[in-house]
Amino acid sequence: MKIHASAVLSAVAAFVSSQILLQVQYPWSLYAAYNFSKDVTIASYLLVSVILALVAATSTVVFLRVIKGSILASALLCGAAAFLAAALMALLMGPGGIDVPGLRLNGIFFSEFEFLRFIFFVAAPVSLIAAALCGWLARKNSDPPAA
């Protein structure tokens, strides 16, 4: 499988899994009732998933190109990089106070100690999925073509 197709597959898997995990950890029914528009809330959920998808795709591309032949190393480094990037984002947006203007990222996902729930219950599982997918793609790329 080509690197670009691997990146797209990794991004789609991370996006879908993060949307599911965000709905479980931060249910729409709880945050839709506040005085913000539904568009802002939807955009906040989608932006977090897009960021996690980009992180997973980038780590997949980097470690499939850099590490050739070692399936375990590719998987571990890909998962670790995705987790560290997502945790750094949570720390910057939570305790760091960085916010995206016009959205509710800090209010939903990173306020007070919500950033810890994001790190452990959203970022960690998405990183594990990225690691497993990266290992599978590394194995698929290292197998000789069937005759």
Protein backbone atom coordinates (compact mmCIF):
# COMPACT_ATOMS: atom_id res chain seq x y z
CA MET A 1 0.00 0.00 0.00
CA LYS A 2 1.37 3.40 -0.91
CA ILE A 3 2.28 5.92 1.75
CA HIS A 4 -0.49 8.34 0.76
CA ALA A 5 -3.14 5.62 0.95
CA SER A 6 -1.75 4.57 4.33
CA ALA A 7 -2.03 8.16 5.57
CA VAL A 8 -5.63 8.43 4.39
CA LEU A 9 -6.54 5.11 6.00
CA SER A 10 -4.90 6.16 9.26
CA ALA A 11 -6.62 9.54 9.20
CA VAL A 12 -10.05 8.03 8.55
CA ALA A 13 -9.62 5.45 11.33
CA ALA A 14 -8.48 8.14 13.78
CA PHE A 15 -11.32 10.50 12.78
CA VAL A 16 -14.04 7.88 13.15
CA SER A 17 -12.69 6.45 16.39
CA SER A 18 -12.20 9.91 17.90
CA GLN A 19 -15.76 10.92 17.01
CA ILE A 20 -17.07 7.80 18.74
CA LEU A 21 -14.89 8.35 21.80
CA LEU A 22 -15.77 12.04 22.00
CA GLN A 23 -19.48 11.18 21.92
CA VAL A 24 -18.96 8.66 24.71
CA GLN A 25 -16.84 10.91 26.93
CA TYR A 26 -18.44 14.26 26.08
CA PRO A 27 -22.02 13.38 25.07
CA TRP A 28 -23.69 15.69 22.61
CA SER A 29 -26.84 15.76 24.74
CA LEU A 30 -24.91 17.40 27.59
CA TYR A 31 -23.23 20.14 25.54
CA ALA A 32 -25.93 20.90 22.96
CA ALA A 33 -28.19 22.54 25.52
CA TYR A 34 -25.86 25.42 26.38
CA ASN A 35 -26.28 28.94 25.01
CA PHE A 36 -23.91 28.40 22.07
CA SER A 37 -25.16 27.62 18.62
CA LYS A 38 -25.21 24.03 17.45
CA ASP A 39 -22.89 24.98 14.58
CA VAL A 40 -20.19 26.07 17.01
CA THR A 41 -20.56 22.85 19.00
CA ILE A 42 -20.44 20.69 15.86
CA ALA A 43 -17.40 22.58 14.60
CA SER A 44 -15.67 22.03 17.96
CA TYR A 45 -16.24 18.26 17.85
CA LEU A 46 -15.15 18.07 14.21
CA LEU A 47 -12.02 20.19 14.73
CA VAL A 48 -10.77 17.95 17.53
CA SER A 49 -11.32 14.87 15.36
CA VAL A 50 -9.61 16.50 12.39
CA ILE A 51 -6.60 17.40 14.55
CA LEU A 52 -6.34 13.83 15.85
CA ALA A 53 -6.71 12.49 12.31
CA LEU A 54 -3.92 14.75 11.06
CA VAL A 55 -1.68 13.69 13.95
CA ALA A 56 -2.30 10.01 13.22
CA ALA A 57 -1.76 10.43 9.48
CA THR A 58 1.43 12.43 9.97
CA SER A 59 2.91 9.93 12.41
CA THR A 60 2.00 7.07 10.08
CA VAL A 61 3.70 8.71 7.11
CA VAL A 62 6.80 9.66 9.08
CA PHE A 63 7.38 6.30 10.70
CA LEU A 64 6.55 4.22 7.62
CA ARG A 65 9.16 6.20 5.69
CA VAL A 66 11.80 6.43 8.42
CA ILE A 67 11.66 2.90 9.84
CA LYS A 68 11.76 0.23 7.21
CA GLY A 69 11.49 -3.43 8.11
CA SER A 70 10.72 -3.17 11.82
CA ILE A 71 7.01 -3.64 12.35
CA LEU A 72 7.13 -3.32 16.15
CA ALA A 73 9.28 -0.18 16.09
CA SER A 74 6.97 1.44 13.54
CA ALA A 75 3.90 0.65 15.60
CA LEU A 76 5.38 1.75 18.92
CA LEU A 77 6.85 4.99 17.63
CA CYS A 78 3.75 5.84 15.63
CA GLY A 79 1.50 5.33 18.66
CA ALA A 80 3.86 7.18 20.99
CA ALA A 81 4.15 10.14 18.62
CA ALA A 82 0.38 10.33 18.18
CA PHE A 83 -0.18 10.15 21.94
CA LEU A 84 2.46 12.76 22.75
CA ALA A 85 1.12 15.18 20.14
CA ALA A 86 -2.48 14.77 21.37
CA ALA A 87 -1.43 15.09 25.02
CA LEU A 88 0.60 18.20 24.22
CA MET A 89 -2.43 19.69 22.47
CA ALA A 90 -4.58 18.93 25.54
CA LEU A 91 -2.03 20.46 27.90
CA LEU A 92 -1.64 23.58 25.79
CA MET A 93 -5.38 24.08 25.46
CA GLY A 94 -6.24 23.09 29.03
CA PRO A 95 -3.76 24.42 31.58
CA GLY A 96 -1.92 26.42 28.90
CA GLY A 97 -5.05 28.45 28.15
CA ILE A 98 -4.71 28.46 24.37
CA ASP A 99 -8.09 28.62 22.68
CA VAL A 100 -9.45 28.63 19.14
CA PRO A 101 -11.49 31.81 18.71
CA GLY A 102 -15.15 31.27 18.01
CA LEU A 103 -15.24 27.62 19.12
CA ARG A 104 -15.92 25.83 22.39
CA LEU A 105 -12.86 23.59 22.57
CA ASN A 106 -11.79 24.75 26.02
CA GLY A 107 -15.35 24.77 27.32
CA ILE A 108 -16.10 21.21 26.24
CA PHE A 109 -12.86 19.23 26.14
CA PHE A 110 -10.18 21.05 28.09
CA SER A 111 -11.73 23.05 30.93
CA GLU A 112 -10.54 22.47 34.49
CA PHE A 113 -9.53 18.79 34.62
CA GLU A 114 -11.40 17.73 31.47
CA PHE A 115 -8.08 17.73 29.63
CA LEU A 116 -7.08 14.66 31.67
CA ARG A 117 -10.21 12.83 30.58
CA PHE A 118 -9.37 13.79 27.00
CA ILE A 119 -5.80 12.50 27.33
CA PHE A 120 -6.67 9.16 28.89
CA PHE A 121 -10.05 8.35 27.33
CA VAL A 122 -9.76 9.88 23.85
CA ALA A 123 -6.11 10.49 22.95
CA ALA A 124 -4.78 7.21 24.36
CA PRO A 125 -7.27 4.92 22.54
CA VAL A 126 -6.90 6.84 19.28
CA SER A 127 -3.11 6.51 19.62
CA LEU A 128 -3.44 2.76 20.20
CA ILE A 129 -5.58 2.47 17.08
CA ALA A 130 -3.00 4.49 15.15
CA ALA A 131 -0.21 2.25 16.48
CA ALA A 132 -2.04 -0.93 15.53
CA LEU A 133 -2.83 0.40 12.09
CA CYS A 134 0.73 1.63 11.59
CA GLY A 135 2.09 -1.80 12.56
CA TRP A 136 -0.33 -3.51 10.19
CA LEU A 137 0.63 -1.14 7.38
CA ALA A 138 4.35 -1.67 8.09
CA ARG A 139 3.79 -5.44 7.94
CA LYS A 140 1.79 -5.11 4.74
CA ASN A 141 4.49 -2.92 3.17
CA SER A 142 7.30 -5.31 4.19
CA ASP A 143 5.63 -8.49 2.89
CA PRO A 144 6.86 -9.56 -0.54
CA PRO A 145 4.13 -9.51 -3.19
CA ALA A 146 2.33 -12.81 -3.64
CA ALA A 147 3.34 -14.72 -6.75
